[in-house]
Protein backbone atom coordinates (compact mmCIF):
# COMPACT_ATOMS: atom_id res chain seq x y z
CA UNK A 1 54.31 -156.04 -46.27
CA UNK A 2 52.26 -154.35 -43.99
CA UNK A 3 49.77 -156.12 -41.62
CA UNK A 4 46.69 -154.34 -40.27
CA UNK A 5 45.99 -156.04 -36.53
CA UNK A 6 42.50 -156.10 -35.23
CA UNK A 7 43.30 -153.08 -32.67
CA UNK A 8 44.32 -150.87 -35.95
CA UNK A 9 47.95 -150.83 -35.22
CA UNK A 10 50.18 -152.30 -38.16
CA UNK A 11 53.10 -154.14 -38.63
CA UNK A 12 55.64 -153.97 -41.49
CA UNK A 13 57.84 -156.38 -42.35
CA UNK A 14 60.70 -156.84 -45.04
CA UNK A 15 61.39 -159.86 -46.75
CA UNK A 16 64.54 -160.66 -49.17
CA UNK A 17 63.54 -162.70 -51.97
CA UNK A 18 66.15 -165.12 -53.92
CA UNK A 19 65.59 -166.68 -57.03
CA UNK A 20 67.78 -169.53 -57.41
CA UNK A 21 68.22 -171.50 -60.71
CA UNK A 22 69.31 -175.27 -60.63
CA UNK A 23 73.06 -175.92 -61.13
CA UNK A 24 73.28 -176.08 -64.79
CA UNK A 25 76.10 -178.09 -65.78
CA UNK A 26 77.93 -180.96 -63.98
CA UNK A 27 81.15 -179.79 -62.05
CA UNK A 28 84.45 -180.60 -63.39
CA UNK A 29 87.61 -181.26 -61.33
CA UNK A 30 91.04 -179.84 -62.28
CA UNK A 31 93.83 -181.49 -60.75
CA UNK A 32 97.20 -179.64 -59.93
CA UNK A 33 100.08 -182.00 -58.82
CA UNK A 34 103.56 -181.45 -57.70
CA UNK A 35 106.06 -184.01 -55.93
CA UNK A 36 108.53 -183.31 -53.62
CA UNK A 37 111.31 -186.02 -52.31
CA UNK A 38 108.96 -189.09 -52.82
CA UNK A 39 105.63 -187.13 -51.67
CA UNK A 40 102.80 -186.47 -53.68
CA UNK A 41 100.74 -183.11 -53.63
CA UNK A 42 97.66 -182.50 -55.04
CA UNK A 43 95.29 -179.51 -55.44
CA UNK A 44 91.76 -180.36 -56.42
CA UNK A 45 89.53 -177.61 -57.73
CA UNK A 46 85.62 -178.56 -58.12
CA UNK A 47 84.57 -176.16 -61.08
CA UNK A 48 80.91 -175.28 -61.75
CA UNK A 49 80.30 -172.30 -64.85
CA UNK A 50 77.70 -169.78 -63.93
CA UNK A 51 76.76 -171.36 -60.36
CA UNK A 52 75.70 -168.75 -58.02
CA UNK A 53 74.61 -169.61 -54.16
CA UNK A 54 76.08 -173.16 -53.97
CA UNK A 55 78.12 -174.99 -51.44
CA UNK A 56 80.64 -177.57 -51.90
CA UNK A 57 81.23 -180.81 -49.92
CA UNK A 58 84.02 -183.46 -50.67
CA UNK A 59 84.25 -187.06 -50.17
CA UNK A 60 86.57 -190.02 -50.42
CA UNK A 61 86.40 -193.42 -51.39
CA UNK A 62 87.24 -196.65 -53.15
CA UNK A 63 85.09 -196.66 -55.95
CA UNK A 64 84.34 -194.25 -58.42
CA UNK A 65 80.62 -194.35 -57.54
CA UNK A 66 79.99 -192.30 -54.15
CA UNK A 67 78.96 -195.01 -51.46
CA UNK A 68 77.50 -194.45 -47.92
CA UNK A 69 80.70 -195.70 -46.22
CA UNK A 70 82.57 -193.10 -48.12
CA UNK A 71 84.38 -190.72 -45.66
CA UNK A 72 83.29 -186.78 -45.91
CA UNK A 73 85.71 -184.37 -45.59
CA UNK A 74 85.55 -181.28 -43.42
CA UNK A 75 86.20 -179.12 -46.44
CA UNK A 76 83.54 -177.21 -47.82
CA UNK A 77 85.23 -174.96 -50.30
CA UNK A 78 85.84 -175.45 -54.27
CA UNK A 79 89.55 -176.43 -53.50
CA UNK A 80 91.01 -179.37 -51.64
CA UNK A 81 94.69 -179.86 -51.05
CA UNK A 82 95.73 -183.17 -50.33
CA UNK A 83 98.97 -185.45 -49.58
CA UNK A 84 98.74 -188.83 -51.33
CA UNK A 85 100.52 -191.70 -50.21
CA UNK A 86 101.42 -194.68 -52.34
CA UNK A 87 99.71 -197.22 -49.95
CA UNK A 88 96.40 -195.17 -49.88
CA UNK A 89 93.34 -196.95 -51.01
CA UNK A 90 90.80 -194.30 -50.80
CA UNK A 91 91.72 -192.60 -53.87
CA UNK A 92 88.65 -191.46 -55.32
CA UNK A 93 87.35 -187.93 -54.30
CA UNK A 94 84.07 -186.81 -55.00
CA UNK A 95 82.83 -183.04 -55.26
CA UNK A 96 79.44 -182.45 -54.62
CA UNK A 97 77.97 -179.02 -55.72
CA UNK A 98 74.51 -178.07 -54.73
CA UNK A 99 71.99 -175.25 -53.87
CA UNK A 100 68.67 -175.47 -52.38
CA UNK A 101 67.07 -176.89 -55.68
CA UNK A 102 69.58 -179.01 -56.94
CA UNK A 103 73.34 -180.80 -57.00
CA UNK A 104 75.78 -182.11 -59.38
CA UNK A 105 78.73 -184.31 -58.82
CA UNK A 106 82.31 -185.16 -60.28
CA UNK A 107 84.42 -187.65 -59.32
CA UNK A 108 88.54 -188.02 -59.97
CA UNK A 109 90.50 -190.88 -59.23
CA UNK A 110 94.07 -189.43 -57.58
CA UNK A 111 96.10 -192.51 -57.76
CA UNK A 112 97.16 -192.34 -61.43
CA UNK A 113 98.16 -188.47 -60.86
CA UNK A 114 100.82 -189.76 -58.61
CA UNK A 115 104.18 -190.95 -60.25
CA UNK A 116 106.21 -192.38 -57.64
CA UNK A 117 109.05 -193.84 -59.85
CA UNK A 118 110.05 -190.53 -61.65
CA UNK A 119 110.12 -186.88 -60.77
CA UNK A 120 107.30 -184.77 -61.76
CA UNK A 121 107.91 -181.09 -60.95
CA UNK A 122 104.26 -179.87 -62.16
CA UNK A 123 102.02 -182.18 -63.83
CA UNK A 124 98.13 -180.98 -64.75
CA UNK A 125 95.48 -182.87 -65.79
CA UNK A 126 91.64 -182.08 -66.42
CA UNK A 127 88.68 -184.25 -65.80
CA UNK A 128 85.42 -184.52 -66.01
CA UNK A 129 83.32 -186.95 -63.71
CA UNK A 130 85.72 -190.32 -63.84
CA UNK A 131 86.66 -189.21 -67.36
CA UNK A 132 89.62 -187.41 -69.25
CA UNK A 133 88.27 -184.30 -71.05
């Protein structure tokens, strides 16, 4: 863009324009589970097809519905690695995917994924929201 000032001099500015589309589909969460020596380890992956220029945030709470008292985690990426204890109460994890104009959220309860009574070398379960798909 060229601007002419009152004294006849000019200024040239260049701009970069981004056109954002809304988050087209609600995210889904893929959970990969492994157990070693009585400990349950999880990797949660927040999946959003065809999403550009999005950011991720994770929170943990006691309900399938996000609440103000939920604990917001510092991870701002699609994958989250966890160690789940048998006595843990905050077992609902919420993934929020957003861009400048829209957002989507998925929730998973990780407690049922951890089997503390038997060995499970590698279990995989896919969820969308709080329901299996």
